[in-house]
Amino acid sequence: MEVLSKLRFLVIEDELSLLKIIALRLKDEGYIVDTAKDGKEGKDYIDAFEYDCIILDLMIPIIDGLTLL
């Protein structure tokens, strides 16, 4: 489980309650988690850091998820 706890996740979701729940559950499992509420913020995180996994909502503001993908 040591290796898994070092994984870094980015969660991009505009529904703030869902974003908080997903991030909290991942953090509880020991993962490093960053969050973004729109595509622009998500792109900024992607440009700045390397992620092992990105959880991406397709219908997000500013830059939609499909374009960001």
C-alpha atoms as a PDB file:
ATOM      1  CA  MET A   1       0.000   0.000   0.000  1.00  0.00           C
ATOM      2  CA  GLU A   2       3.032   2.276   0.387  1.00  0.00           C
ATOM      3  CA  VAL A   3       3.419   2.670  -3.393  1.00  0.00           C
ATOM      4  CA  LEU A   4      -0.268   3.466  -3.922  1.00  0.00           C
ATOM      5  CA  SER A   5      -0.249   6.192  -1.283  1.00  0.00           C
ATOM      6  CA  LYS A   6       2.309   8.135  -3.361  1.00  0.00           C
ATOM      7  CA  LEU A   7       0.020   8.386  -6.396  1.00  0.00           C
ATOM      8  CA  ARG A   8      -1.068  11.913  -7.340  1.00  0.00           C
ATOM      9  CA  PHE A   9      -4.618  12.570  -8.548  1.00  0.00           C
ATOM     10  CA  LEU A  10      -6.243  15.593 -10.167  1.00  0.00           C
ATOM     11  CA  VAL A  11     -10.021  15.844  -9.875  1.00  0.00           C
ATOM     12  CA  ILE A  12     -11.706  18.310 -12.244  1.00  0.00           C
ATOM     13  CA  GLU A  13     -15.402  18.734 -11.399  1.00  0.00           C
ATOM     14  CA  ASP A  14     -17.634  21.823 -11.367  1.00  0.00           C
ATOM     15  CA  GLU A  15     -20.186  20.446  -8.888  1.00  0.00           C
ATOM     16  CA  LEU A  16     -18.415  21.483  -5.685  1.00  0.00           C
ATOM     17  CA  SER A  17     -20.130  18.994  -3.369  1.00  0.00           C
ATOM     18  CA  LEU A  18     -19.140  16.084  -5.631  1.00  0.00           C
ATOM     19  CA  LEU A  19     -15.619  17.491  -6.011  1.00  0.00           C
ATOM     20  CA  LYS A  20     -15.198  17.634  -2.225  1.00  0.00           C
ATOM     21  CA  ILE A  21     -16.537  14.089  -1.718  1.00  0.00           C
ATOM     22  CA  ILE A  22     -14.251  12.558  -4.349  1.00  0.00           C
ATOM     23  CA  ALA A  23     -11.195  14.446  -3.083  1.00  0.00           C
ATOM     24  CA  LEU A  24     -11.909  13.553   0.547  1.00  0.00           C
ATOM     25  CA  ARG A  25     -12.326   9.847  -0.215  1.00  0.00           C
ATOM     26  CA  LEU A  26      -9.069   9.764  -2.205  1.00  0.00           C
ATOM     27  CA  LYS A  27      -7.195  11.651   0.524  1.00  0.00           C
ATOM     28  CA  ASP A  28      -8.594   9.245   3.134  1.00  0.00           C
ATOM     29  CA  GLU A  29      -6.999   6.433   1.116  1.00  0.00           C
ATOM     30  CA  GLY A  30      -3.649   8.203   1.306  1.00  0.00           C
ATOM     31  CA  TYR A  31      -3.443   9.666  -2.193  1.00  0.00           C
ATOM     32  CA  ILE A  32      -2.142  13.142  -3.008  1.00  0.00           C
ATOM     33  CA  VAL A  33      -5.087  15.067  -4.486  1.00  0.00           C
ATOM     34  CA  ASP A  34      -5.405  18.397  -6.301  1.00  0.00           C
ATOM     35  CA  THR A  35      -8.781  19.774  -7.352  1.00  0.00           C
ATOM     36  CA  ALA A  36     -10.030  22.137 -10.029  1.00  0.00           C
ATOM     37  CA  LYS A  37     -13.527  23.500 -10.588  1.00  0.00           C
ATOM     38  CA  ASP A  38     -13.236  24.334 -14.301  1.00  0.00           C
ATOM     39  CA  GLY A  39     -11.230  23.447 -17.376  1.00  0.00           C
ATOM     40  CA  LYS A  40      -8.924  26.473 -17.214  1.00  0.00           C
ATOM     41  CA  GLU A  41      -7.900  25.710 -13.636  1.00  0.00           C
ATOM     42  CA  GLY A  42      -7.514  22.036 -14.558  1.00  0.00           C
ATOM     43  CA  LYS A  43      -5.245  22.908 -17.495  1.00  0.00           C
ATOM     44  CA  ASP A  44      -3.112  25.090 -15.225  1.00  0.00           C
ATOM     45  CA  TYR A  45      -2.636  22.135 -12.841  1.00  0.00           C
ATOM     46  CA  ILE A  46      -1.860  19.754 -15.726  1.00  0.00           C
ATOM     47  CA  ASP A  47       0.752  22.170 -17.075  1.00  0.00           C
ATOM     48  CA  ALA A  48       2.372  22.547 -13.635  1.00  0.00           C
ATOM     49  CA  PHE A  49       2.390  18.987 -12.251  1.00  0.00           C
ATOM     50  CA  GLU A  50       2.616  15.355 -13.348  1.00  0.00           C
ATOM     51  CA  TYR A  51      -0.405  13.207 -12.412  1.00  0.00           C
ATOM     52  CA  ASP A  52      -0.844   9.456 -12.170  1.00  0.00           C
ATOM     53  CA  CYS A  53      -4.597   9.784 -12.660  1.00  0.00           C
ATOM     54  CA  ILE A  54      -7.003  12.535 -13.677  1.00  0.00           C
ATOM     55  CA  ILE A  55     -10.697  12.274 -12.902  1.00  0.00           C
ATOM     56  CA  LEU A  56     -12.346  14.595 -15.426  1.00  0.00           C
ATOM     57  CA  ASP A  57     -15.945  15.720 -15.761  1.00  0.00           C
ATOM     58  CA  LEU A  58     -16.728  16.283 -19.451  1.00  0.00           C
ATOM     59  CA  MET A  59     -19.273  19.070 -18.854  1.00  0.00           C
ATOM     60  CA  ILE A  60     -17.206  21.733 -17.065  1.00  0.00           C
ATOM     61  CA  PRO A  61     -17.057  25.509 -17.666  1.00  0.00           C
ATOM     62  CA  ILE A  62     -14.471  27.619 -19.538  1.00  0.00           C
ATOM     63  CA  ILE A  63     -12.707  24.668 -21.253  1.00  0.00           C
ATOM     64  CA  ASP A  64     -14.999  21.633 -21.556  1.00  0.00           C
ATOM     65  CA  GLY A  65     -13.662  18.259 -20.471  1.00  0.00           C
ATOM     66  CA  LEU A  66     -13.539  16.751 -23.965  1.00  0.00           C
ATOM     67  CA  THR A  67     -11.445  19.656 -25.279  1.00  0.00           C
ATOM     68  CA  LEU A  68      -9.184  19.433 -22.240  1.00  0.00           C
ATOM     69  CA  LEU A  69      -8.764  15.696 -22.773  1.00  0.00           C
END
